[in-house]
């Protein structure tokens, strides 16, 4: 979700109303995704905790800035808008 927002997805609005169709938003397909390293965190076994609920989206918040920073370190270009321009993932 965060990578799509950073690299491909455009959600144009006009006065708060979407102006694009779902199929043209630039969502990643599974075949478009870059390799992702997953680090699993163990489950809380404490009797006081009930486990994490609904926190998956929170992890997507820092993704776009992290991708922007990674590209800046890679090629030195400053990109100030999303989705990021001049990347292999830029939608034509």
C-alpha atoms as a PDB file:
ATOM      1  CA  UNK A   1       0.000   0.000   0.000  1.00  0.00           C
ATOM      2  CA  UNK A   2       2.756   2.430   0.955  1.00  0.00           C
ATOM      3  CA  UNK A   3       4.908   1.522  -2.037  1.00  0.00           C
ATOM      4  CA  UNK A   4       1.990   2.055  -4.391  1.00  0.00           C
ATOM      5  CA  UNK A   5       1.342   5.488  -2.897  1.00  0.00           C
ATOM      6  CA  UNK A   6       5.016   6.409  -3.215  1.00  0.00           C
ATOM      7  CA  UNK A   7       5.710   5.045  -6.672  1.00  0.00           C
ATOM      8  CA  UNK A   8       2.639   4.628  -8.853  1.00  0.00           C
ATOM      9  CA  UNK A   9      -0.773   5.569  -7.531  1.00  0.00           C
ATOM     10  CA  UNK A  10      -2.461   8.779  -8.584  1.00  0.00           C
ATOM     11  CA  UNK A  11      -5.831   9.644  -7.082  1.00  0.00           C
ATOM     12  CA  UNK A  12      -6.895  12.885  -8.754  1.00  0.00           C
ATOM     13  CA  UNK A  13      -9.692  14.832  -7.100  1.00  0.00           C
ATOM     14  CA  UNK A  14     -11.735  17.779  -8.241  1.00  0.00           C
ATOM     15  CA  UNK A  15     -13.489  19.556  -5.366  1.00  0.00           C
ATOM     16  CA  UNK A  16     -13.147  16.378  -3.321  1.00  0.00           C
ATOM     17  CA  UNK A  17     -14.647  14.122  -6.007  1.00  0.00           C
ATOM     18  CA  UNK A  18     -12.480  11.409  -7.638  1.00  0.00           C
ATOM     19  CA  UNK A  19     -11.918  12.017 -11.343  1.00  0.00           C
ATOM     20  CA  UNK A  20     -10.301   8.674 -12.231  1.00  0.00           C
ATOM     21  CA  UNK A  21     -11.591   5.145 -12.559  1.00  0.00           C
ATOM     22  CA  UNK A  22     -10.282   2.401 -10.295  1.00  0.00           C
ATOM     23  CA  UNK A  23      -8.431   0.653 -13.136  1.00  0.00           C
ATOM     24  CA  UNK A  24      -6.447   3.789 -14.002  1.00  0.00           C
ATOM     25  CA  UNK A  25      -5.117   4.591 -10.522  1.00  0.00           C
ATOM     26  CA  UNK A  26      -1.808   2.799 -11.083  1.00  0.00           C
ATOM     27  CA  UNK A  27      -2.247   0.187  -8.357  1.00  0.00           C
ATOM     28  CA  UNK A  28       0.554  -2.363  -8.153  1.00  0.00           C
ATOM     29  CA  UNK A  29      -0.189  -5.815  -9.489  1.00  0.00           C
ATOM     30  CA  UNK A  30       1.580  -8.707  -7.790  1.00  0.00           C
ATOM     31  CA  UNK A  31       3.875  -9.000 -10.819  1.00  0.00           C
ATOM     32  CA  UNK A  32       4.910  -5.324 -10.470  1.00  0.00           C
ATOM     33  CA  UNK A  33       6.015  -5.514  -6.852  1.00  0.00           C
ATOM     34  CA  UNK A  34       9.708  -5.261  -6.052  1.00  0.00           C
ATOM     35  CA  UNK A  35      11.258  -7.871  -3.786  1.00  0.00           C
ATOM     36  CA  UNK A  36      10.329  -7.158  -0.168  1.00  0.00           C
ATOM     37  CA  UNK A  37      12.122  -8.514   2.875  1.00  0.00           C
ATOM     38  CA  UNK A  38       9.666  -9.492   5.603  1.00  0.00           C
ATOM     39  CA  UNK A  39      10.685  -9.432   9.262  1.00  0.00           C
ATOM     40  CA  UNK A  40       8.118 -11.201  11.431  1.00  0.00           C
ATOM     41  CA  UNK A  41       7.675 -10.047  14.997  1.00  0.00           C
ATOM     42  CA  UNK A  42       6.653 -12.636  17.574  1.00  0.00           C
ATOM     43  CA  UNK A  43       3.172 -12.693  19.089  1.00  0.00           C
ATOM     44  CA  UNK A  44       2.637 -11.226  22.542  1.00  0.00           C
ATOM     45  CA  UNK A  45       2.080 -14.124  24.933  1.00  0.00           C
ATOM     46  CA  UNK A  46       1.262 -11.956  27.950  1.00  0.00           C
ATOM     47  CA  UNK A  47      -2.152 -12.563  29.502  1.00  0.00           C
ATOM     48  CA  UNK A  48      -2.547  -8.768  29.743  1.00  0.00           C
ATOM     49  CA  UNK A  49      -2.356  -8.178  26.006  1.00  0.00           C
ATOM     50  CA  UNK A  50      -4.856  -9.147  23.337  1.00  0.00           C
ATOM     51  CA  UNK A  51      -2.546  -8.886  20.380  1.00  0.00           C
ATOM     52  CA  UNK A  52      -2.298  -6.180  17.750  1.00  0.00           C
ATOM     53  CA  UNK A  53      -5.542  -5.305  16.018  1.00  0.00           C
ATOM     54  CA  UNK A  54      -5.812  -3.110  12.942  1.00  0.00           C
ATOM     55  CA  UNK A  55      -2.258  -1.806  12.907  1.00  0.00           C
ATOM     56  CA  UNK A  56      -1.289  -2.890   9.388  1.00  0.00           C
ATOM     57  CA  UNK A  57      -2.063   0.474   7.813  1.00  0.00           C
ATOM     58  CA  UNK A  58       0.029   2.358  10.371  1.00  0.00           C
ATOM     59  CA  UNK A  59       3.164   0.802   8.897  1.00  0.00           C
ATOM     60  CA  UNK A  60       2.356   2.349   5.512  1.00  0.00           C
ATOM     61  CA  UNK A  61       2.606   5.940   6.797  1.00  0.00           C
ATOM     62  CA  UNK A  62       6.443   6.206   6.737  1.00  0.00           C
ATOM     63  CA  UNK A  63       6.830   4.178   3.538  1.00  0.00           C
ATOM     64  CA  UNK A  64       6.556   7.031   1.019  1.00  0.00           C
ATOM     65  CA  UNK A  65       9.096   9.243   2.840  1.00  0.00           C
ATOM     66  CA  UNK A  66      11.428   6.243   3.208  1.00  0.00           C
ATOM     67  CA  UNK A  67      11.222   5.469  -0.519  1.00  0.00           C
ATOM     68  CA  UNK A  68      11.802   9.138  -1.341  1.00  0.00           C
ATOM     69  CA  UNK A  69      14.877   9.166   0.882  1.00  0.00           C
ATOM     70  CA  UNK A  70      16.173   5.932  -0.654  1.00  0.00           C
ATOM     71  CA  UNK A  71      15.902   7.338  -4.173  1.00  0.00           C
ATOM     72  CA  UNK A  72      17.611  10.558  -3.053  1.00  0.00           C
ATOM     73  CA  UNK A  73      20.507   8.550  -1.621  1.00  0.00           C
ATOM     74  CA  UNK A  74      20.622   6.498  -4.816  1.00  0.00           C
ATOM     75  CA  UNK A  75      20.693   9.282  -7.409  1.00  0.00           C
ATOM     76  CA  UNK A  76      20.803  12.591  -5.501  1.00  0.00           C
ATOM     77  CA  UNK A  77      17.554  13.875  -7.059  1.00  0.00           C
ATOM     78  CA  UNK A  78      15.093  15.710  -4.840  1.00  0.00           C
ATOM     79  CA  UNK A  79      11.517  14.626  -5.508  1.00  0.00           C
ATOM     80  CA  UNK A  80       8.797  16.681  -3.854  1.00  0.00           C
ATOM     81  CA  UNK A  81       5.561  15.127  -5.095  1.00  0.00           C
ATOM     82  CA  UNK A  82       3.914  11.720  -5.075  1.00  0.00           C
ATOM     83  CA  UNK A  83       3.960   9.442  -6.878  1.00  0.00           C
ATOM     84  CA  UNK A  84       7.684   9.892  -7.357  1.00  0.00           C
ATOM     85  CA  UNK A  85       8.772  10.903 -10.841  1.00  0.00           C
ATOM     86  CA  UNK A  86      11.736   9.529 -12.763  1.00  0.00           C
ATOM     87  CA  UNK A  87      11.750   6.019 -11.285  1.00  0.00           C
ATOM     88  CA  UNK A  88      11.438   2.636 -13.022  1.00  0.00           C
ATOM     89  CA  UNK A  89       7.941   2.399 -11.495  1.00  0.00           C
ATOM     90  CA  UNK A  90       6.626   5.648 -12.925  1.00  0.00           C
ATOM     91  CA  UNK A  91       3.397   5.018 -14.769  1.00  0.00           C
ATOM     92  CA  UNK A  92       3.456   6.200 -18.345  1.00  0.00           C
END
